[in-house]
Amino acid sequence: MPKEKKAKKVKKAINYKLELKSLLTPALIITIICLVSASILVGTYEITKPIIEANNTKRADAARSQVFSLGGSQGFSEISNEELLKDFEGTLPDGLIDVYRANNNKGMVLTTEDRGFGGSILVVTGIDNKGKITGITITDHKETPGLGTKAMTVDFLSQYIGKIKIDSSKDAKQDVAIDAVTGATVSSDAIYRAVEKALLSYKVLGGVPNDF
């Protein structure tokens, strides 16, 4: 083989390797970066997960104490799904998230949800052993600030306190009447339904007057 032809062949092979390297190197670098980033994210998640869970638990405990101060320093114990399923004959009602019993047996705190304008609204409701609502707070929502959130103010939610029954109809009696919020009807209706679910669930679990 002539030297010139051989040299061209070698040069072509070298150029091919250089081109291949130039193509593979960026891809390899990107792959390494992705693997390292994924490892960092996984590591960060594993580190922050227990912290996030602890903070969520702390907020949930604070919400329960807020709506049911009668629980005192003894706190609350969650009623297991197995126990709830027995009371509800195998099927939990739609929108019931969890139920906690006050350790001093003075009542329960139920978390329920219903759909508002922007999505799900989580409502925590405290109910004493006479079936009366002791407090309500909203722990999660996606409602529009200044509109839907008008149905979440302390003043608005206070109308639920002390009631055993609730009624949002126009001809409702004063002791059970719940008013909607002008401009936030969807949100206030969702909160109403969530509280209604809490009352109905509490009735099934026992501890409310027979004429409920």
N, C-alpha and C. Protein backbone atom coordinates (compact mmCIF):
# COMPACT_ATOMS: atom_id res chain seq x y z
N MET A 1 0.85 -1.19 0.00
CA MET A 1 0.00 0.00 0.00
C MET A 1 0.88 1.25 0.00
N PRO A 2 0.66 2.15 -0.95
CA PRO A 2 1.46 3.38 -1.02
C PRO A 2 1.41 4.12 0.31
N LYS A 3 2.54 4.79 0.65
CA LYS A 3 2.63 5.49 1.93
C LYS A 3 1.59 6.59 2.07
N GLU A 4 1.33 7.32 0.97
CA GLU A 4 0.36 8.42 1.02
C GLU A 4 -1.04 7.90 1.32
N LYS A 5 -1.39 6.78 0.70
CA LYS A 5 -2.72 6.20 0.89
C LYS A 5 -2.87 5.69 2.31
N LYS A 6 -1.78 5.11 2.81
CA LYS A 6 -1.81 4.59 4.17
C LYS A 6 -1.92 5.73 5.17
N ALA A 7 -1.20 6.82 4.90
CA ALA A 7 -1.24 7.98 5.79
C ALA A 7 -2.63 8.60 5.84
N LYS A 8 -3.30 8.66 4.67
CA LYS A 8 -4.66 9.19 4.60
C LYS A 8 -5.62 8.33 5.41
N LYS A 9 -5.40 7.02 5.33
CA LYS A 9 -6.28 6.09 6.06
C LYS A 9 -6.11 6.26 7.56
N VAL A 10 -4.83 6.41 7.97
CA VAL A 10 -4.55 6.60 9.40
C VAL A 10 -5.14 7.93 9.88
N LYS A 11 -4.95 8.98 9.05
CA LYS A 11 -5.48 10.29 9.39
C LYS A 11 -6.99 10.28 9.51
N LYS A 12 -7.63 9.53 8.60
CA LYS A 12 -9.09 9.42 8.62
C LYS A 12 -9.56 8.72 9.88
N ALA A 13 -8.84 7.69 10.26
CA ALA A 13 -9.19 6.94 11.47
C ALA A 13 -9.05 7.82 12.71
N ILE A 14 -7.95 8.63 12.71
CA ILE A 14 -7.72 9.53 13.85
C ILE A 14 -8.82 10.59 13.93
N ASN A 15 -9.18 11.14 12.79
CA ASN A 15 -10.25 12.14 12.75
C ASN A 15 -11.58 11.57 13.22
N TYR A 16 -11.82 10.32 12.85
CA TYR A 16 -13.06 9.65 13.25
C TYR A 16 -13.11 9.50 14.77
N LYS A 17 -11.98 9.10 15.35
CA LYS A 17 -11.91 8.92 16.80
C LYS A 17 -12.10 10.25 17.52
N LEU A 18 -11.49 11.30 16.93
CA LEU A 18 -11.62 12.62 17.54
C LEU A 18 -13.07 13.12 17.49
N GLU A 19 -13.72 12.88 16.34
CA GLU A 19 -15.12 13.28 16.20
C GLU A 19 -16.00 12.49 17.17
N LEU A 20 -15.73 11.18 17.27
CA LEU A 20 -16.51 10.33 18.17
C LEU A 20 -16.34 10.78 19.62
N LYS A 21 -15.07 11.12 19.96
CA LYS A 21 -14.78 11.59 21.31
C LYS A 21 -15.49 12.90 21.61
N SER A 22 -15.49 13.79 20.60
CA SER A 22 -16.15 15.09 20.79
C SER A 22 -17.65 14.95 20.97
N LEU A 23 -18.20 13.88 20.38
CA LEU A 23 -19.64 13.64 20.52
C LEU A 23 -19.96 12.97 21.85
N LEU A 24 -19.12 12.02 22.25
CA LEU A 24 -19.41 11.23 23.45
C LEU A 24 -19.06 11.97 24.74
N THR A 25 -18.03 12.82 24.69
CA THR A 25 -17.59 13.49 25.92
C THR A 25 -18.67 14.35 26.56
N PRO A 26 -19.37 15.23 25.82
CA PRO A 26 -20.46 16.02 26.44
C PRO A 26 -21.56 15.14 27.00
N ALA A 27 -21.91 14.07 26.26
CA ALA A 27 -22.97 13.17 26.72
C ALA A 27 -22.55 12.48 28.01
N LEU A 28 -21.27 12.08 28.07
CA LEU A 28 -20.76 11.43 29.27
C LEU A 28 -20.75 12.38 30.46
N ILE A 29 -20.36 13.62 30.20
CA ILE A 29 -20.33 14.64 31.27
C ILE A 29 -21.74 14.90 31.79
N ILE A 30 -22.69 15.02 30.86
CA ILE A 30 -24.09 15.26 31.25
C ILE A 30 -24.62 14.10 32.08
N THR A 31 -24.29 12.86 31.65
CA THR A 31 -24.73 11.66 32.37
C THR A 31 -24.17 11.65 33.79
N ILE A 32 -22.88 11.98 33.91
CA ILE A 32 -22.24 12.01 35.23
C ILE A 32 -22.90 13.07 36.11
N ILE A 33 -23.14 14.26 35.52
CA ILE A 33 -23.79 15.34 36.27
C ILE A 33 -25.17 14.91 36.76
N CYS A 34 -25.93 14.24 35.87
CA CYS A 34 -27.27 13.78 36.24
C CYS A 34 -27.22 12.76 37.37
N LEU A 35 -26.26 11.83 37.27
CA LEU A 35 -26.13 10.81 38.32
C LEU A 35 -25.75 11.42 39.66
N VAL A 36 -24.81 12.38 39.62
CA VAL A 36 -24.39 13.05 40.85
C VAL A 36 -25.55 13.86 41.44
N SER A 37 -26.27 14.58 40.56
CA SER A 37 -27.41 15.39 41.03
C SER A 37 -28.50 14.51 41.64
N ALA A 38 -28.77 13.37 40.99
CA ALA A 38 -29.78 12.45 41.51
C ALA A 38 -29.37 11.91 42.87
N SER A 39 -28.08 11.59 43.02
CA SER A 39 -27.57 11.09 44.30
C SER A 39 -27.71 12.13 45.39
N ILE A 40 -27.42 13.39 45.02
CA ILE A 40 -27.54 14.48 45.99
C ILE A 40 -29.00 14.68 46.41
N LEU A 41 -29.91 14.61 45.42
CA LEU A 41 -31.34 14.77 45.72
C LEU A 41 -31.85 13.67 46.63
N VAL A 42 -31.43 12.43 46.31
CA VAL A 42 -31.86 11.29 47.14
C VAL A 42 -31.32 11.45 48.55
N GLY A 43 -30.05 11.84 48.64
CA GLY A 43 -29.46 12.03 49.95
C GLY A 43 -30.13 13.14 50.74
N THR A 44 -30.43 14.24 50.05
CA THR A 44 -31.11 15.37 50.69
C THR A 44 -32.50 14.97 51.17
N TYR A 45 -33.21 14.20 50.32
CA TYR A 45 -34.56 13.75 50.68
C TYR A 45 -34.52 12.87 51.92
N GLU A 46 -33.55 11.96 51.96
CA GLU A 46 -33.45 11.06 53.11
C GLU A 46 -33.14 11.82 54.38
N ILE A 47 -32.38 12.91 54.25
CA ILE A 47 -32.03 13.72 55.42
C ILE A 47 -33.22 14.57 55.86
N THR A 48 -33.91 15.18 54.88
CA THR A 48 -35.00 16.10 55.22
C THR A 48 -36.33 15.41 55.50
N LYS A 49 -36.51 14.18 55.00
CA LYS A 49 -37.78 13.48 55.17
C LYS A 49 -38.24 13.41 56.62
N PRO A 50 -37.40 12.91 57.55
CA PRO A 50 -37.85 12.86 58.95
C PRO A 50 -38.12 14.24 59.54
N ILE A 51 -37.38 15.25 59.07
CA ILE A 51 -37.59 16.62 59.57
C ILE A 51 -38.95 17.14 59.11
N ILE A 52 -39.26 16.90 57.82
CA ILE A 52 -40.55 17.32 57.26
C ILE A 52 -41.69 16.61 57.97
N GLU A 53 -41.53 15.29 58.18
CA GLU A 53 -42.57 14.51 58.85
C GLU A 53 -42.78 15.00 60.28
N ALA A 54 -41.68 15.33 60.95
CA ALA A 54 -41.78 15.82 62.34
C ALA A 54 -42.50 17.17 62.38
N ASN A 55 -42.19 18.04 61.40
CA ASN A 55 -42.85 19.35 61.33
C ASN A 55 -44.33 19.21 61.03
N ASN A 56 -44.67 18.28 60.12
CA ASN A 56 -46.08 18.03 59.80
C ASN A 56 -46.83 17.52 61.01
N THR A 57 -46.19 16.62 61.76
CA THR A 57 -46.81 16.07 62.96
C THR A 57 -47.02 17.16 64.00
N LYS A 58 -46.03 18.04 64.12
CA LYS A 58 -46.12 19.14 65.08
C LYS A 58 -47.27 20.09 64.72
N ARG A 59 -47.39 20.40 63.41
CA ARG A 59 -48.47 21.28 62.97
C ARG A 59 -49.84 20.64 63.20
N ALA A 60 -49.92 19.33 62.92
CA ALA A 60 -51.19 18.61 63.09
C ALA A 60 -51.57 18.58 64.57
N ASP A 61 -50.59 18.34 65.44
CA ASP A 61 -50.85 18.33 66.89
C ASP A 61 -51.32 19.70 67.36
N ALA A 62 -50.70 20.74 66.81
CA ALA A 62 -51.08 22.10 67.19
C ALA A 62 -52.50 22.41 66.75
N ALA A 63 -52.87 21.94 65.54
CA ALA A 63 -54.23 22.16 65.03
C ALA A 63 -55.25 21.45 65.91
N ARG A 64 -54.93 20.24 66.33
CA ARG A 64 -55.86 19.49 67.19
C ARG A 64 -56.04 20.19 68.54
N SER A 65 -54.94 20.66 69.10
CA SER A 65 -55.02 21.37 70.38
C SER A 65 -55.79 22.68 70.23
N GLN A 66 -55.66 23.30 69.06
CA GLN A 66 -56.34 24.57 68.81
C GLN A 66 -57.85 24.40 68.78
N VAL A 67 -58.33 23.35 68.10
CA VAL A 67 -59.78 23.17 67.95
C VAL A 67 -60.41 22.41 69.11
N PHE A 68 -59.55 21.76 69.94
CA PHE A 68 -60.09 21.02 71.08
C PHE A 68 -59.18 21.22 72.30
N SER A 69 -59.30 22.37 72.90
CA SER A 69 -58.48 22.69 74.07
C SER A 69 -58.84 21.83 75.28
N LEU A 70 -60.04 21.21 75.24
CA LEU A 70 -60.48 20.35 76.34
C LEU A 70 -59.60 19.11 76.47
N GLY A 71 -58.80 18.85 75.41
CA GLY A 71 -57.90 17.70 75.46
C GLY A 71 -56.80 17.87 76.49
N GLY A 72 -56.55 19.13 76.85
CA GLY A 72 -55.55 19.42 77.87
C GLY A 72 -54.17 18.93 77.50
N SER A 73 -53.37 18.66 78.51
CA SER A 73 -51.99 18.24 78.30
C SER A 73 -51.87 16.75 78.00
N GLN A 74 -52.97 16.03 78.12
CA GLN A 74 -52.92 14.57 77.91
C GLN A 74 -52.83 14.21 76.43
N GLY A 75 -53.19 15.15 75.55
CA GLY A 75 -53.04 14.91 74.13
C GLY A 75 -54.09 14.02 73.51
N PHE A 76 -53.74 13.45 72.34
CA PHE A 76 -54.70 12.68 71.55
C PHE A 76 -54.07 11.38 71.04
N SER A 77 -54.91 10.42 70.77
CA SER A 77 -54.47 9.15 70.18
C SER A 77 -55.29 8.88 68.93
N GLU A 78 -54.59 8.51 67.86
CA GLU A 78 -55.28 8.26 66.59
C GLU A 78 -56.06 6.95 66.65
N ILE A 79 -57.27 6.99 66.11
CA ILE A 79 -58.07 5.77 65.97
C ILE A 79 -57.62 5.09 64.68
N SER A 80 -57.21 3.85 64.78
CA SER A 80 -56.65 3.14 63.63
C SER A 80 -57.70 2.92 62.55
N ASN A 81 -57.23 2.73 61.33
CA ASN A 81 -58.13 2.45 60.21
C ASN A 81 -58.92 1.19 60.44
N GLU A 82 -58.28 0.19 61.09
CA GLU A 82 -58.98 -1.07 61.37
C GLU A 82 -60.19 -0.84 62.27
N GLU A 83 -59.99 -0.01 63.29
CA GLU A 83 -61.09 0.30 64.21
C GLU A 83 -62.18 1.10 63.50
N LEU A 84 -61.75 2.07 62.69
CA LEU A 84 -62.72 2.89 61.96
C LEU A 84 -63.53 2.04 60.98
N LEU A 85 -62.86 1.12 60.29
CA LEU A 85 -63.55 0.27 59.33
C LEU A 85 -64.62 -0.59 60.00
N LYS A 86 -64.37 -0.99 61.23
CA LYS A 86 -65.37 -1.76 61.97
C LYS A 86 -66.61 -0.90 62.24
N ASP A 87 -66.36 0.33 62.68
CA ASP A 87 -67.47 1.24 62.99
C ASP A 87 -68.26 1.63 61.75
N PHE A 88 -67.54 1.75 60.62
CA PHE A 88 -68.20 2.17 59.37
C PHE A 88 -68.53 0.99 58.47
N GLU A 89 -68.53 -0.20 59.06
CA GLU A 89 -68.94 -1.42 58.37
C GLU A 89 -68.16 -1.66 57.07
N GLY A 90 -66.85 -1.45 57.16
CA GLY A 90 -65.98 -1.83 56.05
C GLY A 90 -65.64 -0.76 55.05
N THR A 91 -66.35 0.36 55.07
CA THR A 91 -66.08 1.42 54.09
C THR A 91 -66.06 2.79 54.78
N LEU A 92 -64.90 3.44 54.71
CA LEU A 92 -64.80 4.77 55.31
C LEU A 92 -65.54 5.79 54.46
N PRO A 93 -66.21 6.74 55.08
CA PRO A 93 -66.93 7.77 54.30
C PRO A 93 -65.98 8.63 53.49
N ASP A 94 -66.43 9.04 52.34
CA ASP A 94 -65.63 9.87 51.46
C ASP A 94 -65.28 11.19 52.15
N GLY A 95 -64.00 11.53 52.15
CA GLY A 95 -63.59 12.79 52.73
C GLY A 95 -63.11 12.72 54.17
N LEU A 96 -63.23 11.56 54.81
CA LEU A 96 -62.72 11.40 56.18
C LEU A 96 -61.24 11.03 56.11
N ILE A 97 -60.38 11.88 56.66
CA ILE A 97 -58.94 11.67 56.58
C ILE A 97 -58.40 10.93 57.80
N ASP A 98 -58.69 11.46 58.98
CA ASP A 98 -58.27 10.76 60.21
C ASP A 98 -59.13 11.21 61.38
N VAL A 99 -59.05 10.40 62.45
CA VAL A 99 -59.82 10.68 63.66
C VAL A 99 -58.91 10.46 64.86
N TYR A 100 -58.87 11.45 65.75
CA TYR A 100 -58.09 11.34 66.98
C TYR A 100 -59.02 11.47 68.18
N ARG A 101 -58.82 10.60 69.16
CA ARG A 101 -59.61 10.65 70.38
C ARG A 101 -58.78 11.33 71.47
N ALA A 102 -59.40 12.26 72.20
CA ALA A 102 -58.70 12.91 73.31
C ALA A 102 -58.41 11.85 74.37
N ASN A 103 -57.19 11.83 74.88
CA ASN A 103 -56.81 10.81 75.85
C ASN A 103 -57.55 10.94 77.17
N ASN A 104 -58.17 12.10 77.42
CA ASN A 104 -58.98 12.27 78.63
C ASN A 104 -60.45 11.94 78.36
N ASN A 105 -60.71 11.40 77.14
CA ASN A 105 -62.07 10.95 76.75
C ASN A 105 -63.12 12.07 76.77
N LYS A 106 -62.68 13.30 76.51
CA LYS A 106 -63.62 14.41 76.49
C LYS A 106 -64.12 14.75 75.09
N GLY A 107 -63.64 14.03 74.10
CA GLY A 107 -64.10 14.29 72.74
C GLY A 107 -63.15 13.77 71.69
N MET A 108 -63.36 14.22 70.46
CA MET A 108 -62.54 13.78 69.34
C MET A 108 -62.21 14.95 68.42
N VAL A 109 -61.19 14.74 67.60
CA VAL A 109 -60.84 15.71 66.56
C VAL A 109 -60.79 14.95 65.24
N LEU A 110 -61.55 15.43 64.28
CA LEU A 110 -61.64 14.76 62.98
C LEU A 110 -61.12 15.67 61.88
N THR A 111 -60.35 15.10 60.98
CA THR A 111 -59.88 15.82 59.79
C THR A 111 -60.67 15.32 58.59
N THR A 112 -61.31 16.25 57.91
CA THR A 112 -62.11 15.91 56.74
C THR A 112 -61.73 16.84 55.60
N GLU A 113 -62.16 16.49 54.39
CA GLU A 113 -61.86 17.34 53.24
C GLU A 113 -63.04 17.41 52.29
N ASP A 114 -63.07 18.49 51.55
CA ASP A 114 -64.05 18.63 50.48
C ASP A 114 -63.43 19.57 49.44
N ARG A 115 -63.99 19.57 48.25
CA ARG A 115 -63.41 20.34 47.16
C ARG A 115 -63.95 21.76 47.12
N GLY A 116 -63.02 22.71 47.16
CA GLY A 116 -63.38 24.11 47.03
C GLY A 116 -63.17 24.58 45.61
N PHE A 117 -62.97 25.88 45.42
CA PHE A 117 -62.79 26.44 44.09
C PHE A 117 -61.44 26.05 43.50
N GLY A 118 -60.39 26.06 44.34
CA GLY A 118 -59.05 25.78 43.85
C GLY A 118 -58.58 24.36 44.05
N GLY A 119 -59.34 23.57 44.78
CA GLY A 119 -58.94 22.19 45.05
C GLY A 119 -59.42 21.76 46.42
N SER A 120 -58.77 20.74 46.95
CA SER A 120 -59.18 20.18 48.23
C SER A 120 -58.93 21.14 49.39
N ILE A 121 -59.87 21.19 50.33
CA ILE A 121 -59.74 21.97 51.55
C ILE A 121 -59.75 21.01 52.73
N LEU A 122 -58.68 21.04 53.53
CA LEU A 122 -58.60 20.18 54.71
C LEU A 122 -59.12 20.94 55.93
N VAL A 123 -60.09 20.34 56.61
CA VAL A 123 -60.72 21.00 57.75
C VAL A 123 -60.56 20.11 58.99
N VAL A 124 -60.07 20.70 60.07
CA VAL A 124 -59.93 19.98 61.33
C VAL A 124 -61.02 20.48 62.27
N THR A 125 -61.83 19.54 62.77
CA THR A 125 -62.98 19.89 63.61
C THR A 125 -62.90 19.18 64.95
N GLY A 126 -63.02 19.96 66.02
CA GLY A 126 -63.06 19.38 67.36
C GLY A 126 -64.50 19.24 67.81
N ILE A 127 -64.82 18.08 68.41
CA ILE A 127 -66.19 17.82 68.89
C ILE A 127 -66.10 17.20 70.28
N ASP A 128 -66.82 17.78 71.25
CA ASP A 128 -66.74 17.25 72.61
C ASP A 128 -67.64 16.04 72.79
N ASN A 129 -67.62 15.47 74.00
CA ASN A 129 -68.37 14.23 74.23
C ASN A 129 -69.88 14.44 74.33
N LYS A 130 -70.32 15.70 74.13
CA LYS A 130 -71.76 15.97 74.03
C LYS A 130 -72.16 16.23 72.59
N GLY A 131 -71.19 16.10 71.69
CA GLY A 131 -71.48 16.28 70.27
C GLY A 131 -71.39 17.71 69.78
N LYS A 132 -70.93 18.63 70.65
CA LYS A 132 -70.83 20.04 70.25
C LYS A 132 -69.48 20.34 69.61
N ILE A 133 -69.51 21.18 68.58
CA ILE A 133 -68.28 21.60 67.92
C ILE A 133 -67.54 22.57 68.84
N THR A 134 -66.27 22.28 69.09
CA THR A 134 -65.48 23.13 69.98
C THR A 134 -64.54 24.06 69.21
N GLY A 135 -64.31 23.74 67.95
CA GLY A 135 -63.42 24.59 67.16
C GLY A 135 -63.20 24.03 65.77
N ILE A 136 -62.81 24.91 64.85
CA ILE A 136 -62.55 24.52 63.46
C ILE A 136 -61.34 25.30 62.96
N THR A 137 -60.49 24.63 62.23
CA THR A 137 -59.39 25.33 61.57
C THR A 137 -59.11 24.68 60.22
N ILE A 138 -58.56 25.45 59.31
CA ILE A 138 -58.22 24.97 57.98
C ILE A 138 -56.71 24.74 57.94
N THR A 139 -56.29 23.52 57.62
CA THR A 139 -54.86 23.21 57.63
C THR A 139 -54.24 23.16 56.24
N ASP A 140 -55.06 23.07 55.20
CA ASP A 140 -54.50 23.07 53.84
C ASP A 140 -55.58 23.45 52.84
N HIS A 141 -55.20 24.27 51.86
CA HIS A 141 -56.16 24.69 50.82
C HIS A 141 -55.41 25.33 49.67
N LYS A 142 -56.11 25.53 48.56
CA LYS A 142 -55.54 26.21 47.39
C LYS A 142 -56.50 27.30 46.91
N GLU A 143 -57.27 27.85 47.83
CA GLU A 143 -58.23 28.88 47.49
C GLU A 143 -57.54 30.22 47.23
N THR A 144 -58.23 31.09 46.49
CA THR A 144 -57.67 32.39 46.13
C THR A 144 -57.57 33.31 47.34
N PRO A 145 -56.36 33.81 47.64
CA PRO A 145 -56.21 34.73 48.77
C PRO A 145 -57.11 35.96 48.60
N GLY A 146 -57.79 36.32 49.67
CA GLY A 146 -58.65 37.50 49.62
C GLY A 146 -60.06 37.20 49.14
N LEU A 147 -60.26 36.03 48.54
CA LEU A 147 -61.59 35.62 48.09
C LEU A 147 -62.02 34.38 48.86
N GLY A 148 -61.53 33.22 48.42
CA GLY A 148 -61.88 31.98 49.10
C GLY A 148 -61.45 31.97 50.55
N THR A 149 -60.35 32.65 50.85
CA THR A 149 -59.86 32.66 52.23
C THR A 149 -60.75 33.46 53.18
N LYS A 150 -61.70 34.22 52.62
CA LYS A 150 -62.65 34.95 53.49
C LYS A 150 -63.50 33.97 54.28
N ALA A 151 -63.62 32.73 53.76
CA ALA A 151 -64.41 31.71 54.45
C ALA A 151 -63.60 30.97 55.50
N MET A 152 -62.35 31.43 55.72
CA MET A 152 -61.46 30.74 56.66
C MET A 152 -61.06 31.61 57.83
N THR A 153 -61.67 32.77 57.94
CA THR A 153 -61.33 33.68 59.04
C THR A 153 -61.89 33.15 60.36
N VAL A 154 -61.30 33.60 61.44
CA VAL A 154 -61.77 33.19 62.77
C VAL A 154 -63.22 33.59 62.97
N ASP A 155 -63.58 34.79 62.51
CA ASP A 155 -64.96 35.28 62.67
C ASP A 155 -65.95 34.37 61.95
N PHE A 156 -65.62 33.99 60.71
CA PHE A 156 -66.54 33.15 59.94
C PHE A 156 -66.66 31.77 60.57
N LEU A 157 -65.55 31.16 60.91
CA LEU A 157 -65.57 29.80 61.45
C LEU A 157 -66.18 29.73 62.86
N SER A 158 -66.18 30.85 63.57
CA SER A 158 -66.72 30.86 64.94
C SER A 158 -68.21 30.54 64.99
N GLN A 159 -68.92 30.73 63.87
CA GLN A 159 -70.36 30.46 63.86
C GLN A 159 -70.66 28.96 64.04
N TYR A 160 -69.67 28.11 63.80
CA TYR A 160 -69.85 26.67 63.97
C TYR A 160 -69.75 26.23 65.43
N ILE A 161 -69.00 27.00 66.22
CA ILE A 161 -68.70 26.59 67.59
C ILE A 161 -69.96 26.50 68.45
N GLY A 162 -70.07 25.40 69.18
CA GLY A 162 -71.21 25.17 70.07
C GLY A 162 -72.37 24.45 69.43
N LYS A 163 -72.30 24.25 68.13
CA LYS A 163 -73.42 23.61 67.42
C LYS A 163 -73.28 22.08 67.40
N ILE A 164 -74.42 21.41 67.53
CA ILE A 164 -74.48 19.96 67.41
C ILE A 164 -74.94 19.59 66.00
N LYS A 165 -75.79 20.44 65.47
CA LYS A 165 -76.27 20.28 64.09
C LYS A 165 -75.93 21.55 63.32
N ILE A 166 -75.82 21.42 62.01
CA ILE A 166 -75.62 22.60 61.16
C ILE A 166 -76.58 22.55 59.98
N ASP A 167 -77.00 23.71 59.54
CA ASP A 167 -77.95 23.80 58.43
C ASP A 167 -77.67 25.09 57.65
N SER A 168 -77.43 24.96 56.37
CA SER A 168 -77.13 26.14 55.55
C SER A 168 -78.32 26.61 54.72
N SER A 169 -79.49 26.01 54.94
CA SER A 169 -80.66 26.40 54.17
C SER A 169 -81.18 27.76 54.64
N LYS A 170 -81.95 28.40 53.78
CA LYS A 170 -82.46 29.75 54.08
C LYS A 170 -83.41 29.77 55.27
N ASP A 171 -84.15 28.69 55.48
CA ASP A 171 -85.12 28.65 56.57
C ASP A 171 -84.58 27.94 57.80
N ALA A 172 -83.25 27.84 57.91
CA ALA A 172 -82.64 27.15 59.05
C ALA A 172 -82.90 27.91 60.35
N LYS A 173 -83.09 27.19 61.44
CA LYS A 173 -83.29 27.81 62.74
C LYS A 173 -81.97 28.42 63.21
N GLN A 174 -82.08 29.43 64.04
CA GLN A 174 -80.92 30.20 64.47
C GLN A 174 -79.84 29.34 65.13
N ASP A 175 -80.28 28.35 65.93
CA ASP A 175 -79.30 27.57 66.69
C ASP A 175 -78.51 26.58 65.84
N VAL A 176 -78.91 26.41 64.58
CA VAL A 176 -78.18 25.48 63.70
C VAL A 176 -77.73 26.16 62.40
N ALA A 177 -78.14 27.41 62.19
CA ALA A 177 -77.89 28.10 60.92
C ALA A 177 -76.41 28.41 60.71
N ILE A 178 -75.96 28.18 59.48
CA ILE A 178 -74.61 28.51 59.05
C ILE A 178 -74.72 29.37 57.79
N ASP A 179 -74.14 30.55 57.84
CA ASP A 179 -74.20 31.47 56.70
C ASP A 179 -73.00 31.27 55.77
N ALA A 180 -73.24 31.46 54.48
CA ALA A 180 -72.16 31.40 53.50
C ALA A 180 -71.49 32.78 53.44
N VAL A 181 -70.37 32.86 52.73
CA VAL A 181 -69.65 34.12 52.58
C VAL A 181 -69.88 34.67 51.17
N THR A 182 -70.37 35.89 51.09
CA THR A 182 -70.57 36.50 49.78
C THR A 182 -69.24 36.65 49.05
N GLY A 183 -69.19 36.15 47.84
CA GLY A 183 -67.95 36.20 47.06
C GLY A 183 -67.05 35.01 47.29
N ALA A 184 -67.43 34.15 48.23
CA ALA A 184 -66.62 32.95 48.51
C ALA A 184 -67.54 31.77 48.80
N THR A 185 -68.64 31.73 48.05
CA THR A 185 -69.66 30.70 48.29
C THR A 185 -69.12 29.29 48.10
N VAL A 186 -68.32 29.07 47.05
CA VAL A 186 -67.79 27.73 46.77
C VAL A 186 -66.91 27.27 47.93
N SER A 187 -66.07 28.14 48.40
CA SER A 187 -65.16 27.80 49.50
C SER A 187 -65.92 27.56 50.80
N SER A 188 -66.85 28.45 51.12
CA SER A 188 -67.61 28.30 52.36
C SER A 188 -68.50 27.07 52.33
N ASP A 189 -69.03 26.74 51.15
CA ASP A 189 -69.84 25.52 51.01
C ASP A 189 -68.99 24.27 51.21
N ALA A 190 -67.75 24.31 50.70
CA ALA A 190 -66.85 23.16 50.85
C ALA A 190 -66.51 22.95 52.32
N ILE A 191 -66.27 24.04 53.04
CA ILE A 191 -65.97 23.95 54.47
C ILE A 191 -67.18 23.41 55.22
N TYR A 192 -68.37 23.89 54.84
CA TYR A 192 -69.60 23.41 55.46
C TYR A 192 -69.73 21.89 55.28
N ARG A 193 -69.51 21.42 54.06
CA ARG A 193 -69.64 19.97 53.80
C ARG A 193 -68.60 19.16 54.57
N ALA A 194 -67.40 19.72 54.69
CA ALA A 194 -66.35 19.03 55.43
C ALA A 194 -66.71 18.90 56.91
N VAL A 195 -67.25 19.98 57.48
CA VAL A 195 -67.68 19.94 58.88
C VAL A 195 -68.85 18.99 59.05
N GLU A 196 -69.75 19.00 58.09
CA GLU A 196 -70.89 18.09 58.12
C GLU A 196 -70.41 16.63 58.13
N LYS A 197 -69.39 16.35 57.34
CA LYS A 197 -68.82 14.99 57.32
C LYS A 197 -68.25 14.62 58.68
N ALA A 198 -67.62 15.60 59.32
CA ALA A 198 -67.05 15.36 60.66
C ALA A 198 -68.14 15.03 61.66
N LEU A 199 -69.23 15.80 61.63
CA LEU A 199 -70.35 15.55 62.55
C LEU A 199 -71.00 14.19 62.30
N LEU A 200 -71.22 13.87 61.04
CA LEU A 200 -71.84 12.59 60.70
C LEU A 200 -70.93 11.42 61.07
N SER A 201 -69.63 11.60 60.86
CA SER A 201 -68.68 10.54 61.22
C SER A 201 -68.64 10.36 62.73
N TYR A 202 -68.68 11.47 63.47
CA TYR A 202 -68.67 11.40 64.92
C TYR A 202 -69.92 10.70 65.45
N LYS A 203 -71.02 10.93 64.75
CA LYS A 203 -72.26 10.27 65.14
C LYS A 203 -72.12 8.76 65.03
N VAL A 204 -71.51 8.29 63.95
CA VAL A 204 -71.31 6.85 63.75
C VAL A 204 -70.38 6.29 64.82
N LEU A 205 -69.37 7.08 65.19
CA LEU A 205 -68.38 6.62 66.18
C LEU A 205 -68.93 6.66 67.59
N GLY A 206 -70.08 7.31 67.79
CA GLY A 206 -70.72 7.34 69.10
C GLY A 206 -70.38 8.61 69.88
N GLY A 207 -71.12 8.81 70.97
CA GLY A 207 -70.83 9.94 71.84
C GLY A 207 -71.64 11.18 71.60
N VAL A 208 -72.63 11.14 70.69
CA VAL A 208 -73.47 12.30 70.44
C VAL A 208 -74.90 11.99 70.87
N PRO A 209 -75.70 13.04 71.09
CA PRO A 209 -77.08 12.82 71.52
C PRO A 209 -77.86 11.94 70.55
N ASN A 210 -78.79 11.18 71.08
CA ASN A 210 -79.58 10.25 70.26
C ASN A 210 -80.47 10.96 69.26
N ASP A 211 -80.81 12.24 69.55
CA ASP A 211 -81.72 12.97 68.65
C ASP A 211 -80.95 13.76 67.59
N PHE A 212 -79.65 13.44 67.38
CA PHE A 212 -78.85 14.17 66.37
C PHE A 212 -79.45 13.98 64.98
